[in-house]
N, C-alpha and C. Protein backbone atom coordinates (compact mmCIF):
# COMPACT_ATOMS: atom_id res chain seq x y z
N MET A 1 2.83 -9.30 -13.04
CA MET A 1 2.41 -8.09 -12.36
C MET A 1 2.29 -6.96 -13.35
N GLY A 2 1.17 -6.22 -13.27
CA GLY A 2 0.97 -5.08 -14.14
C GLY A 2 1.13 -3.78 -13.39
N VAL A 3 0.36 -2.77 -13.76
CA VAL A 3 0.41 -1.45 -13.12
C VAL A 3 -0.67 -1.37 -12.05
N THR A 4 -0.31 -0.90 -10.88
CA THR A 4 -1.24 -0.80 -9.76
C THR A 4 -1.45 0.65 -9.36
N ILE A 5 -2.71 1.00 -9.12
CA ILE A 5 -3.07 2.32 -8.61
C ILE A 5 -3.72 2.12 -7.24
N LEU A 6 -3.26 2.89 -6.26
CA LEU A 6 -3.80 2.80 -4.91
C LEU A 6 -4.44 4.14 -4.55
N THR A 7 -5.69 4.09 -4.07
CA THR A 7 -6.40 5.32 -3.73
C THR A 7 -7.21 5.13 -2.46
N GLN A 8 -7.41 6.21 -1.73
CA GLN A 8 -8.21 6.16 -0.50
C GLN A 8 -9.67 6.43 -0.84
N PHE A 9 -10.57 5.68 -0.19
CA PHE A 9 -12.00 5.88 -0.38
C PHE A 9 -12.57 6.49 0.90
N PRO A 10 -13.34 7.59 0.80
CA PRO A 10 -13.87 8.24 2.00
C PRO A 10 -14.86 7.34 2.75
N THR A 11 -14.75 7.33 4.08
CA THR A 11 -15.63 6.48 4.88
C THR A 11 -16.92 7.18 5.29
N GLU A 12 -16.90 8.52 5.39
CA GLU A 12 -18.10 9.31 5.70
C GLU A 12 -18.84 8.74 6.92
N ASN A 13 -18.10 8.60 8.03
CA ASN A 13 -18.67 8.14 9.30
C ASN A 13 -19.19 6.71 9.27
N LYS A 14 -18.85 5.95 8.25
CA LYS A 14 -19.21 4.53 8.21
C LYS A 14 -18.05 3.71 8.78
N THR A 15 -18.36 2.51 9.21
CA THR A 15 -17.31 1.60 9.66
C THR A 15 -16.60 1.01 8.44
N GLY A 16 -15.42 0.46 8.67
CA GLY A 16 -14.70 -0.16 7.57
C GLY A 16 -15.48 -1.30 6.95
N THR A 17 -16.15 -2.07 7.79
CA THR A 17 -16.95 -3.20 7.29
C THR A 17 -18.08 -2.73 6.39
N GLN A 18 -18.74 -1.64 6.78
CA GLN A 18 -19.85 -1.11 5.97
C GLN A 18 -19.36 -0.63 4.61
N VAL A 19 -18.21 0.05 4.60
CA VAL A 19 -17.66 0.55 3.34
C VAL A 19 -17.24 -0.61 2.44
N LEU A 20 -16.60 -1.62 3.01
CA LEU A 20 -16.18 -2.77 2.20
C LEU A 20 -17.38 -3.52 1.63
N GLU A 21 -18.44 -3.63 2.41
CA GLU A 21 -19.65 -4.30 1.90
C GLU A 21 -20.23 -3.54 0.71
N MET A 22 -20.27 -2.21 0.82
CA MET A 22 -20.80 -1.39 -0.26
C MET A 22 -19.94 -1.51 -1.52
N LEU A 23 -18.62 -1.40 -1.35
CA LEU A 23 -17.72 -1.49 -2.50
C LEU A 23 -17.73 -2.90 -3.10
N SER A 24 -17.86 -3.91 -2.26
CA SER A 24 -17.90 -5.28 -2.76
C SER A 24 -19.12 -5.49 -3.66
N LYS A 25 -20.26 -4.92 -3.27
CA LYS A 25 -21.46 -5.03 -4.11
C LYS A 25 -21.25 -4.36 -5.46
N ARG A 26 -20.55 -3.22 -5.43
CA ARG A 26 -20.31 -2.49 -6.69
C ARG A 26 -19.40 -3.29 -7.62
N ILE A 27 -18.34 -3.85 -7.05
CA ILE A 27 -17.39 -4.56 -7.91
C ILE A 27 -17.97 -5.88 -8.39
N LEU A 28 -18.81 -6.51 -7.57
CA LEU A 28 -19.48 -7.75 -7.99
C LEU A 28 -20.47 -7.47 -9.11
N ALA A 29 -21.08 -6.28 -9.08
CA ALA A 29 -22.04 -5.90 -10.13
C ALA A 29 -21.36 -5.77 -11.48
N LEU A 30 -20.03 -5.60 -11.48
CA LEU A 30 -19.28 -5.50 -12.74
C LEU A 30 -18.93 -6.89 -13.28
N GLY A 31 -19.34 -7.93 -12.56
CA GLY A 31 -19.06 -9.28 -13.04
C GLY A 31 -17.79 -9.89 -12.49
N SER A 32 -17.28 -9.32 -11.40
CA SER A 32 -16.04 -9.85 -10.83
C SER A 32 -16.30 -11.12 -10.03
N SER A 33 -15.23 -11.83 -9.71
CA SER A 33 -15.34 -13.03 -8.89
C SER A 33 -14.39 -12.90 -7.70
N PRO A 34 -14.84 -13.28 -6.49
CA PRO A 34 -13.97 -13.21 -5.31
C PRO A 34 -12.78 -14.15 -5.45
N GLN A 35 -11.61 -13.66 -5.03
CA GLN A 35 -10.38 -14.46 -5.13
C GLN A 35 -9.58 -14.36 -3.83
N GLY A 36 -10.22 -14.74 -2.73
CA GLY A 36 -9.50 -14.76 -1.45
C GLY A 36 -9.32 -13.39 -0.83
N HIS A 37 -8.27 -13.28 -0.01
CA HIS A 37 -7.99 -12.06 0.72
C HIS A 37 -6.53 -11.65 0.53
N PHE A 38 -6.21 -10.43 0.94
CA PHE A 38 -4.84 -9.93 0.83
C PHE A 38 -4.46 -9.22 2.12
N LEU A 39 -3.17 -9.01 2.30
CA LEU A 39 -2.66 -8.30 3.48
C LEU A 39 -1.37 -7.59 3.12
N VAL A 40 -1.29 -6.33 3.47
CA VAL A 40 -0.05 -5.56 3.37
C VAL A 40 0.21 -4.97 4.75
N ASP A 41 1.40 -5.21 5.31
CA ASP A 41 1.71 -4.64 6.62
C ASP A 41 3.01 -3.87 6.58
N CYS A 42 3.17 -2.99 7.55
CA CYS A 42 4.36 -2.13 7.58
C CYS A 42 4.77 -1.89 9.03
N GLU A 43 6.04 -2.16 9.31
CA GLU A 43 6.61 -1.85 10.62
C GLU A 43 7.81 -0.94 10.40
N THR A 44 7.94 0.06 11.26
CA THR A 44 8.98 1.07 11.08
C THR A 44 9.99 1.00 12.21
N TYR A 45 11.25 1.11 11.84
CA TYR A 45 12.36 1.09 12.79
C TYR A 45 13.15 2.39 12.66
N THR A 46 13.65 2.89 13.79
CA THR A 46 14.51 4.08 13.76
C THR A 46 15.85 3.74 14.39
N SER A 47 16.89 4.38 13.89
CA SER A 47 18.23 4.10 14.39
C SER A 47 18.44 4.77 15.75
N VAL A 48 19.31 4.18 16.55
CA VAL A 48 19.64 4.73 17.86
C VAL A 48 20.55 5.94 17.68
N PRO A 49 20.55 6.88 18.65
CA PRO A 49 21.37 8.10 18.51
C PRO A 49 22.85 7.83 18.28
N GLN A 50 23.36 6.71 18.80
CA GLN A 50 24.80 6.42 18.67
C GLN A 50 25.25 6.26 17.23
N LEU A 51 24.30 6.01 16.32
CA LEU A 51 24.67 5.86 14.90
C LEU A 51 24.85 7.19 14.20
N GLY A 52 24.63 8.28 14.92
CA GLY A 52 24.78 9.59 14.29
C GLY A 52 23.50 10.04 13.64
N HIS A 53 23.55 10.35 12.34
CA HIS A 53 22.36 10.82 11.63
C HIS A 53 21.24 9.78 11.72
N GLN A 54 20.03 10.25 12.04
CA GLN A 54 18.92 9.32 12.19
C GLN A 54 18.55 8.70 10.86
N ARG A 55 18.34 7.39 10.90
CA ARG A 55 17.88 6.65 9.73
C ARG A 55 16.59 5.92 10.10
N THR A 56 15.70 5.83 9.14
CA THR A 56 14.43 5.14 9.34
C THR A 56 14.31 4.02 8.33
N VAL A 57 13.94 2.83 8.82
CA VAL A 57 13.75 1.68 7.94
C VAL A 57 12.29 1.24 8.04
N HIS A 58 11.59 1.24 6.90
CA HIS A 58 10.22 0.74 6.83
C HIS A 58 10.28 -0.67 6.25
N VAL A 59 9.75 -1.64 6.97
CA VAL A 59 9.75 -3.03 6.51
C VAL A 59 8.31 -3.43 6.20
N LEU A 60 8.07 -3.82 4.94
CA LEU A 60 6.71 -4.14 4.50
C LEU A 60 6.64 -5.54 3.91
N HIS A 61 5.45 -6.14 4.08
CA HIS A 61 5.15 -7.45 3.49
C HIS A 61 3.87 -7.33 2.70
N ASN A 62 3.83 -8.01 1.55
CA ASN A 62 2.65 -8.01 0.70
C ASN A 62 2.30 -9.46 0.38
N SER A 63 1.08 -9.87 0.71
CA SER A 63 0.70 -11.27 0.50
C SER A 63 0.76 -11.68 -0.98
N GLU A 64 0.79 -10.71 -1.89
CA GLU A 64 0.93 -11.04 -3.31
C GLU A 64 2.34 -11.54 -3.63
N GLN A 65 3.31 -11.16 -2.81
CA GLN A 65 4.69 -11.63 -2.95
C GLN A 65 5.12 -12.22 -1.60
N PRO A 66 4.60 -13.40 -1.23
CA PRO A 66 4.80 -13.94 0.11
C PRO A 66 6.25 -14.27 0.46
N ALA A 67 7.09 -14.48 -0.53
CA ALA A 67 8.48 -14.85 -0.25
C ALA A 67 9.40 -13.64 -0.19
N THR A 68 8.84 -12.44 -0.35
CA THR A 68 9.67 -11.23 -0.42
C THR A 68 9.39 -10.31 0.75
N VAL A 69 10.46 -9.74 1.29
CA VAL A 69 10.35 -8.68 2.29
C VAL A 69 10.83 -7.39 1.64
N PHE A 70 10.01 -6.36 1.69
CA PHE A 70 10.38 -5.07 1.11
C PHE A 70 10.82 -4.13 2.22
N SER A 71 11.87 -3.38 1.97
CA SER A 71 12.30 -2.38 2.95
C SER A 71 12.66 -1.09 2.23
N LEU A 72 12.38 0.02 2.90
CA LEU A 72 12.70 1.34 2.39
C LEU A 72 13.50 2.07 3.46
N LEU A 73 14.76 2.36 3.15
CA LEU A 73 15.64 3.04 4.09
C LEU A 73 15.66 4.54 3.78
N GLU A 74 15.24 5.34 4.75
CA GLU A 74 15.24 6.80 4.60
C GLU A 74 16.45 7.36 5.34
N THR A 75 17.31 8.05 4.60
CA THR A 75 18.54 8.58 5.18
C THR A 75 18.46 10.08 5.42
N GLY A 76 17.31 10.67 5.10
CA GLY A 76 17.17 12.12 5.26
C GLY A 76 17.24 12.83 3.93
N THR A 77 18.13 12.37 3.04
CA THR A 77 18.27 13.01 1.73
C THR A 77 17.71 12.14 0.61
N LYS A 78 17.62 10.85 0.85
CA LYS A 78 17.09 9.96 -0.19
C LYS A 78 16.50 8.71 0.45
N THR A 79 15.72 7.99 -0.35
CA THR A 79 15.11 6.74 0.09
C THR A 79 15.66 5.60 -0.76
N ILE A 80 16.17 4.57 -0.08
CA ILE A 80 16.78 3.44 -0.77
C ILE A 80 15.86 2.22 -0.65
N PRO A 81 15.30 1.72 -1.78
CA PRO A 81 14.42 0.54 -1.72
C PRO A 81 15.23 -0.75 -1.79
N LEU A 82 14.70 -1.79 -1.16
CA LEU A 82 15.38 -3.07 -1.15
C LEU A 82 14.34 -4.18 -1.10
N ALA A 83 14.51 -5.21 -1.93
CA ALA A 83 13.64 -6.38 -1.92
C ALA A 83 14.50 -7.59 -1.59
N THR A 84 14.16 -8.30 -0.49
CA THR A 84 14.96 -9.42 -0.03
C THR A 84 14.05 -10.61 0.30
N ASP A 85 14.65 -11.68 0.82
CA ASP A 85 13.83 -12.82 1.24
C ASP A 85 13.48 -12.68 2.73
N GLY A 86 12.82 -13.70 3.26
CA GLY A 86 12.31 -13.62 4.63
C GLY A 86 13.37 -13.49 5.69
N LEU A 87 14.62 -13.77 5.37
CA LEU A 87 15.69 -13.65 6.37
C LEU A 87 15.90 -12.20 6.81
N PHE A 88 15.40 -11.25 6.03
CA PHE A 88 15.59 -9.84 6.40
C PHE A 88 14.87 -9.54 7.72
N ASP A 89 13.72 -10.18 7.97
CA ASP A 89 13.02 -9.99 9.24
C ASP A 89 13.90 -10.42 10.41
N LEU A 90 14.60 -11.55 10.24
CA LEU A 90 15.49 -12.03 11.30
C LEU A 90 16.67 -11.08 11.49
N LEU A 91 17.14 -10.52 10.38
CA LEU A 91 18.24 -9.57 10.45
C LEU A 91 17.85 -8.34 11.27
N MET A 92 16.64 -7.83 11.06
CA MET A 92 16.19 -6.66 11.82
C MET A 92 16.09 -6.99 13.31
N MET A 93 15.70 -8.21 13.63
CA MET A 93 15.63 -8.61 15.04
C MET A 93 17.02 -8.64 15.66
N LYS A 94 18.01 -9.10 14.89
CA LYS A 94 19.38 -9.18 15.41
C LYS A 94 20.02 -7.80 15.51
N MET A 95 19.44 -6.82 14.79
CA MET A 95 19.99 -5.45 14.83
C MET A 95 19.25 -4.57 15.82
N SER A 96 18.60 -5.20 16.81
CA SER A 96 17.79 -4.44 17.77
C SER A 96 18.61 -3.45 18.58
N HIS A 97 19.93 -3.66 18.65
CA HIS A 97 20.78 -2.71 19.38
C HIS A 97 21.02 -1.44 18.57
N PHE A 98 20.74 -1.51 17.27
CA PHE A 98 20.98 -0.37 16.39
C PHE A 98 19.68 0.26 15.87
N TYR A 99 18.64 -0.58 15.71
CA TYR A 99 17.35 -0.08 15.22
C TYR A 99 16.24 -0.56 16.17
N THR A 100 15.40 0.37 16.58
CA THR A 100 14.30 0.03 17.48
C THR A 100 12.97 0.16 16.74
N SER A 101 12.07 -0.77 17.00
CA SER A 101 10.76 -0.77 16.34
C SER A 101 9.85 0.25 16.99
N LYS A 102 9.13 1.02 16.15
CA LYS A 102 8.15 1.98 16.65
C LYS A 102 6.78 1.30 16.63
N LYS A 103 6.46 0.59 17.71
CA LYS A 103 5.25 -0.24 17.75
C LYS A 103 3.98 0.56 17.49
N LEU A 104 3.94 1.82 17.92
CA LEU A 104 2.72 2.62 17.76
C LEU A 104 2.42 2.95 16.30
N THR A 105 3.37 2.67 15.41
CA THR A 105 3.16 3.02 14.00
C THR A 105 2.90 1.80 13.13
N LYS A 106 2.78 0.60 13.72
CA LYS A 106 2.56 -0.59 12.89
C LYS A 106 1.24 -0.46 12.15
N ALA A 107 1.29 -0.59 10.83
CA ALA A 107 0.11 -0.39 9.98
C ALA A 107 -0.20 -1.66 9.20
N GLU A 108 -1.49 -1.89 8.97
CA GLU A 108 -1.94 -3.03 8.17
C GLU A 108 -3.08 -2.60 7.27
N CYS A 109 -3.12 -3.21 6.10
CA CYS A 109 -4.25 -3.04 5.18
C CYS A 109 -4.65 -4.44 4.73
N LYS A 110 -5.88 -4.83 4.99
CA LYS A 110 -6.31 -6.18 4.62
C LYS A 110 -7.78 -6.19 4.25
N GLY A 111 -8.13 -7.17 3.41
CA GLY A 111 -9.51 -7.29 2.98
C GLY A 111 -9.64 -8.24 1.80
N PRO A 112 -10.79 -8.25 1.14
CA PRO A 112 -11.04 -9.18 0.02
C PRO A 112 -10.40 -8.70 -1.27
N ARG A 113 -10.14 -9.64 -2.15
CA ARG A 113 -9.63 -9.32 -3.48
C ARG A 113 -10.56 -9.93 -4.54
N TYR A 114 -10.67 -9.24 -5.67
CA TYR A 114 -11.57 -9.67 -6.74
C TYR A 114 -10.84 -9.59 -8.07
N GLU A 115 -11.27 -10.42 -9.01
CA GLU A 115 -10.74 -10.37 -10.36
C GLU A 115 -11.88 -10.18 -11.35
N VAL A 116 -11.68 -9.27 -12.28
CA VAL A 116 -12.67 -9.04 -13.34
C VAL A 116 -11.90 -8.73 -14.63
N GLY A 117 -11.96 -9.64 -15.57
CA GLY A 117 -11.20 -9.46 -16.80
C GLY A 117 -9.71 -9.37 -16.53
N ASP A 118 -9.09 -8.32 -17.03
CA ASP A 118 -7.65 -8.12 -16.84
C ASP A 118 -7.33 -7.33 -15.58
N PHE A 119 -8.33 -7.08 -14.75
CA PHE A 119 -8.13 -6.27 -13.54
C PHE A 119 -8.19 -7.12 -12.28
N CYS A 120 -7.42 -6.72 -11.30
CA CYS A 120 -7.50 -7.28 -9.95
C CYS A 120 -7.79 -6.11 -9.01
N VAL A 121 -8.85 -6.26 -8.20
CA VAL A 121 -9.26 -5.19 -7.28
C VAL A 121 -9.17 -5.69 -5.85
N LYS A 122 -8.54 -4.89 -4.99
CA LYS A 122 -8.42 -5.25 -3.57
C LYS A 122 -9.03 -4.13 -2.73
N LEU A 123 -9.88 -4.52 -1.80
CA LEU A 123 -10.54 -3.56 -0.92
C LEU A 123 -10.04 -3.79 0.50
N GLY A 124 -9.33 -2.82 1.06
CA GLY A 124 -8.69 -3.05 2.35
C GLY A 124 -9.01 -2.02 3.41
N THR A 125 -9.26 -2.49 4.63
CA THR A 125 -9.37 -1.58 5.76
C THR A 125 -7.98 -1.38 6.35
N VAL A 126 -7.69 -0.15 6.73
CA VAL A 126 -6.37 0.19 7.26
C VAL A 126 -6.46 0.40 8.77
N THR A 127 -5.56 -0.26 9.49
CA THR A 127 -5.44 -0.02 10.92
C THR A 127 -4.01 0.41 11.22
N VAL A 128 -3.88 1.34 12.14
CA VAL A 128 -2.56 1.76 12.63
C VAL A 128 -2.58 1.56 14.14
N SER A 129 -1.69 0.70 14.62
CA SER A 129 -1.68 0.34 16.04
C SER A 129 -3.06 -0.12 16.49
N SER A 130 -3.69 -0.94 15.64
CA SER A 130 -5.02 -1.55 15.88
C SER A 130 -6.17 -0.56 15.83
N ASN A 131 -5.92 0.71 15.46
CA ASN A 131 -6.98 1.71 15.31
C ASN A 131 -7.40 1.80 13.85
N PHE A 132 -8.70 1.67 13.58
CA PHE A 132 -9.19 1.80 12.21
C PHE A 132 -8.97 3.23 11.72
N LYS A 133 -8.36 3.35 10.53
CA LYS A 133 -8.04 4.68 10.01
C LYS A 133 -8.67 4.99 8.67
N GLY A 134 -9.06 3.99 7.88
CA GLY A 134 -9.64 4.29 6.58
C GLY A 134 -9.70 3.07 5.68
N VAL A 135 -10.06 3.32 4.43
CA VAL A 135 -10.21 2.26 3.43
C VAL A 135 -9.37 2.60 2.20
N LEU A 136 -8.58 1.64 1.75
CA LEU A 136 -7.78 1.80 0.54
C LEU A 136 -8.29 0.84 -0.53
N VAL A 137 -8.30 1.32 -1.77
CA VAL A 137 -8.70 0.51 -2.91
C VAL A 137 -7.49 0.37 -3.84
N GLU A 138 -7.10 -0.85 -4.11
CA GLU A 138 -5.98 -1.12 -5.01
C GLU A 138 -6.52 -1.74 -6.29
N VAL A 139 -6.16 -1.17 -7.42
CA VAL A 139 -6.60 -1.70 -8.72
C VAL A 139 -5.36 -1.97 -9.57
N GLU A 140 -5.24 -3.20 -10.05
CA GLU A 140 -4.11 -3.58 -10.89
C GLU A 140 -4.61 -3.95 -12.29
N TYR A 141 -3.96 -3.38 -13.30
CA TYR A 141 -4.24 -3.75 -14.69
C TYR A 141 -3.06 -4.59 -15.15
N ARG A 142 -3.28 -5.87 -15.36
CA ARG A 142 -2.19 -6.82 -15.52
C ARG A 142 -1.47 -6.80 -16.86
N PRO A 143 -2.14 -6.53 -17.98
CA PRO A 143 -1.43 -6.64 -19.27
C PRO A 143 -0.40 -5.55 -19.52
N CYS A 144 -0.35 -4.50 -18.71
CA CYS A 144 0.53 -3.37 -19.00
C CYS A 144 1.54 -3.17 -17.87
N VAL A 145 2.76 -2.72 -18.20
CA VAL A 145 3.78 -2.48 -17.18
C VAL A 145 4.31 -1.04 -17.22
N VAL A 146 3.73 -0.19 -18.07
CA VAL A 146 4.14 1.22 -18.14
C VAL A 146 2.92 2.07 -17.80
N PRO A 147 2.93 2.77 -16.65
CA PRO A 147 1.76 3.52 -16.21
C PRO A 147 1.18 4.47 -17.24
N ALA A 148 2.02 5.18 -17.98
CA ALA A 148 1.53 6.17 -18.94
C ALA A 148 0.66 5.55 -20.02
N LEU A 149 0.91 4.27 -20.33
CA LEU A 149 0.19 3.61 -21.42
C LEU A 149 -1.19 3.11 -21.01
N CYS A 150 -1.45 3.02 -19.71
CA CYS A 150 -2.74 2.47 -19.29
C CYS A 150 -3.45 3.33 -18.23
N TRP A 151 -2.92 4.53 -17.94
CA TRP A 151 -3.54 5.36 -16.92
C TRP A 151 -4.99 5.71 -17.27
N ASP A 152 -5.26 6.10 -18.52
CA ASP A 152 -6.62 6.47 -18.90
C ASP A 152 -7.59 5.30 -18.74
N LEU A 153 -7.13 4.10 -19.10
CA LEU A 153 -7.97 2.91 -18.95
C LEU A 153 -8.22 2.60 -17.47
N LEU A 154 -7.18 2.70 -16.66
CA LEU A 154 -7.33 2.48 -15.22
C LEU A 154 -8.29 3.48 -14.61
N LYS A 155 -8.13 4.73 -14.99
CA LYS A 155 -8.99 5.79 -14.44
C LYS A 155 -10.45 5.53 -14.79
N GLU A 156 -10.70 5.15 -16.03
CA GLU A 156 -12.08 4.88 -16.46
C GLU A 156 -12.67 3.68 -15.70
N PHE A 157 -11.86 2.64 -15.52
CA PHE A 157 -12.34 1.47 -14.79
C PHE A 157 -12.65 1.81 -13.34
N ILE A 158 -11.74 2.55 -12.70
CA ILE A 158 -11.94 2.92 -11.29
C ILE A 158 -13.16 3.80 -11.13
N GLN A 159 -13.37 4.72 -12.06
CA GLN A 159 -14.55 5.58 -12.00
C GLN A 159 -15.84 4.76 -12.10
N GLY A 160 -15.76 3.59 -12.75
CA GLY A 160 -16.93 2.76 -12.93
C GLY A 160 -17.53 2.25 -11.64
N PHE A 161 -16.70 2.11 -10.58
CA PHE A 161 -17.28 1.64 -9.32
C PHE A 161 -16.99 2.55 -8.12
N LEU A 162 -16.08 3.55 -8.30
CA LEU A 162 -15.85 4.51 -7.22
C LEU A 162 -16.55 5.84 -7.47
N GLY A 163 -16.99 6.06 -8.70
CA GLY A 163 -17.71 7.30 -9.01
C GLY A 163 -16.85 8.53 -8.80
N LEU A 164 -17.42 9.53 -8.12
CA LEU A 164 -16.73 10.80 -7.91
C LEU A 164 -15.53 10.67 -6.97
N SER A 165 -15.43 9.53 -6.27
CA SER A 165 -14.30 9.33 -5.36
C SER A 165 -13.07 8.81 -6.09
N ALA A 166 -13.20 8.51 -7.37
CA ALA A 166 -12.06 8.01 -8.14
C ALA A 166 -11.04 9.12 -8.36
N PRO A 167 -9.75 8.80 -8.37
CA PRO A 167 -8.71 9.81 -8.58
C PRO A 167 -8.75 10.36 -10.01
N LEU A 168 -8.54 11.66 -10.13
CA LEU A 168 -8.49 12.29 -11.44
C LEU A 168 -7.08 12.28 -12.02
N ASN A 169 -6.10 12.15 -11.13
CA ASN A 169 -4.70 12.16 -11.54
C ASN A 169 -3.97 10.96 -10.95
N PRO A 170 -2.84 10.57 -11.51
CA PRO A 170 -2.09 9.45 -10.95
C PRO A 170 -1.66 9.75 -9.51
N PRO A 171 -1.43 8.73 -8.70
CA PRO A 171 -0.94 8.94 -7.34
C PRO A 171 0.35 9.75 -7.34
N ASN A 172 0.58 10.49 -6.26
CA ASN A 172 1.75 11.36 -6.17
C ASN A 172 3.04 10.62 -6.51
N TYR A 173 3.20 9.43 -5.96
CA TYR A 173 4.44 8.70 -6.17
C TYR A 173 4.68 8.38 -7.64
N LEU A 174 3.60 8.11 -8.38
CA LEU A 174 3.75 7.68 -9.78
C LEU A 174 3.90 8.83 -10.77
N GLN A 175 3.60 10.03 -10.35
CA GLN A 175 3.55 11.13 -11.31
C GLN A 175 4.87 11.36 -12.04
N ASN A 176 5.98 11.07 -11.39
CA ASN A 176 7.29 11.23 -12.04
C ASN A 176 7.82 9.92 -12.61
N ARG A 177 6.99 8.86 -12.55
CA ARG A 177 7.44 7.55 -13.01
C ARG A 177 6.49 6.97 -14.06
N MET A 178 5.72 7.82 -14.70
CA MET A 178 4.71 7.34 -15.64
C MET A 178 5.30 6.63 -16.84
N GLN A 179 6.52 6.98 -17.22
CA GLN A 179 7.16 6.35 -18.39
C GLN A 179 8.03 5.16 -18.01
N ASP A 180 8.16 4.87 -16.72
CA ASP A 180 9.04 3.79 -16.27
C ASP A 180 8.30 2.45 -16.27
N VAL A 181 9.07 1.39 -16.23
CA VAL A 181 8.49 0.05 -16.10
C VAL A 181 8.09 -0.16 -14.65
N TYR A 182 6.85 -0.56 -14.45
CA TYR A 182 6.31 -0.73 -13.10
C TYR A 182 6.82 -2.03 -12.48
N SER A 183 7.06 -2.01 -11.15
CA SER A 183 7.52 -3.19 -10.44
C SER A 183 6.84 -3.26 -9.08
N PRO A 184 6.89 -4.41 -8.39
CA PRO A 184 6.22 -4.53 -7.09
C PRO A 184 6.63 -3.49 -6.06
N ILE A 185 7.88 -3.01 -6.11
CA ILE A 185 8.32 -2.02 -5.14
C ILE A 185 7.56 -0.71 -5.30
N ASP A 186 7.04 -0.44 -6.52
CA ASP A 186 6.24 0.77 -6.73
C ASP A 186 4.92 0.70 -5.97
N THR A 187 4.35 -0.50 -5.88
CA THR A 187 3.14 -0.68 -5.07
C THR A 187 3.45 -0.43 -3.60
N ILE A 188 4.60 -0.92 -3.14
CA ILE A 188 5.01 -0.73 -1.75
C ILE A 188 5.17 0.75 -1.43
N HIS A 189 5.77 1.51 -2.35
CA HIS A 189 5.92 2.96 -2.16
C HIS A 189 4.55 3.61 -1.98
N GLN A 190 3.57 3.20 -2.77
CA GLN A 190 2.24 3.80 -2.66
C GLN A 190 1.60 3.48 -1.31
N TYR A 191 1.76 2.24 -0.86
CA TYR A 191 1.19 1.89 0.45
C TYR A 191 1.85 2.70 1.56
N LEU A 192 3.17 2.84 1.50
CA LEU A 192 3.87 3.60 2.54
C LEU A 192 3.41 5.05 2.55
N GLU A 193 3.18 5.60 1.37
CA GLU A 193 2.70 6.97 1.26
C GLU A 193 1.37 7.15 2.01
N HIS A 194 0.45 6.20 1.82
CA HIS A 194 -0.84 6.27 2.51
C HIS A 194 -0.71 5.97 4.00
N PHE A 195 0.11 4.97 4.35
CA PHE A 195 0.30 4.65 5.76
C PHE A 195 0.86 5.86 6.52
N THR A 196 1.75 6.60 5.88
CA THR A 196 2.34 7.77 6.52
C THR A 196 1.28 8.81 6.83
N VAL A 197 0.35 9.02 5.90
CA VAL A 197 -0.74 9.98 6.12
C VAL A 197 -1.63 9.51 7.28
N PHE A 198 -1.97 8.23 7.30
CA PHE A 198 -2.81 7.70 8.37
C PHE A 198 -2.12 7.81 9.72
N ARG A 199 -0.83 7.57 9.75
CA ARG A 199 -0.09 7.67 11.01
C ARG A 199 -0.10 9.10 11.54
N LYS A 200 0.09 10.04 10.65
CA LYS A 200 0.10 11.44 11.07
C LYS A 200 -1.25 11.86 11.65
N SER A 201 -2.34 11.26 11.15
CA SER A 201 -3.67 11.61 11.66
C SER A 201 -3.85 11.13 13.10
N LEU A 202 -3.00 10.20 13.54
CA LEU A 202 -3.04 9.75 14.93
C LEU A 202 -2.14 10.59 15.82
N GLY A 203 -1.43 11.53 15.19
CA GLY A 203 -0.51 12.35 15.96
C GLY A 203 0.79 11.65 16.26
N VAL A 204 1.06 10.56 15.51
CA VAL A 204 2.28 9.78 15.71
C VAL A 204 3.21 10.05 14.55
N ARG A 205 4.47 10.37 14.86
CA ARG A 205 5.44 10.59 13.79
C ARG A 205 5.77 9.27 13.14
N PRO A 206 5.74 9.21 11.79
CA PRO A 206 6.02 7.95 11.10
C PRO A 206 7.48 7.54 11.22
């Protein structure tokens, strides 16, 4: 796993399918080859009032790491990341008396993935509670694990097929972690950041 940048692409009144078709043509024109599909999903749980201070647990799955369940516990003052195996899903089900699932906030991002040279590109439509909300583009540069060392290269590559819609600066989450070693949980943080924005646009508290 290398460094991943996640960015939103404007839909401009187009459907998700139309945007993905357009972006797929652009990335194929760069000489990429289709490599299946991907899926990232997120379900959010909130603690019951009897536990005192409210806690929120975001549980995410990424098809790139099929044996891992990612969770982010928000305590109000800090966020605690955790990577576990599939038994964590069963644990959350058994803790239903303490944490309740917020079904209206279930988010998914899925679509085709492509490989071109040292890059992996994923084009995903985002739905929140089955409502289409937007398109996310994930670009991974595999040979590097420190964002600061490959940000300029990533930016140039992304500009090659996103044009003016490409980000000029690193994602908010990464801006304070540019010198750190990148890991899969950093990708999960970026997805949650975007899912939270999409949820708010539905008027639903994340």
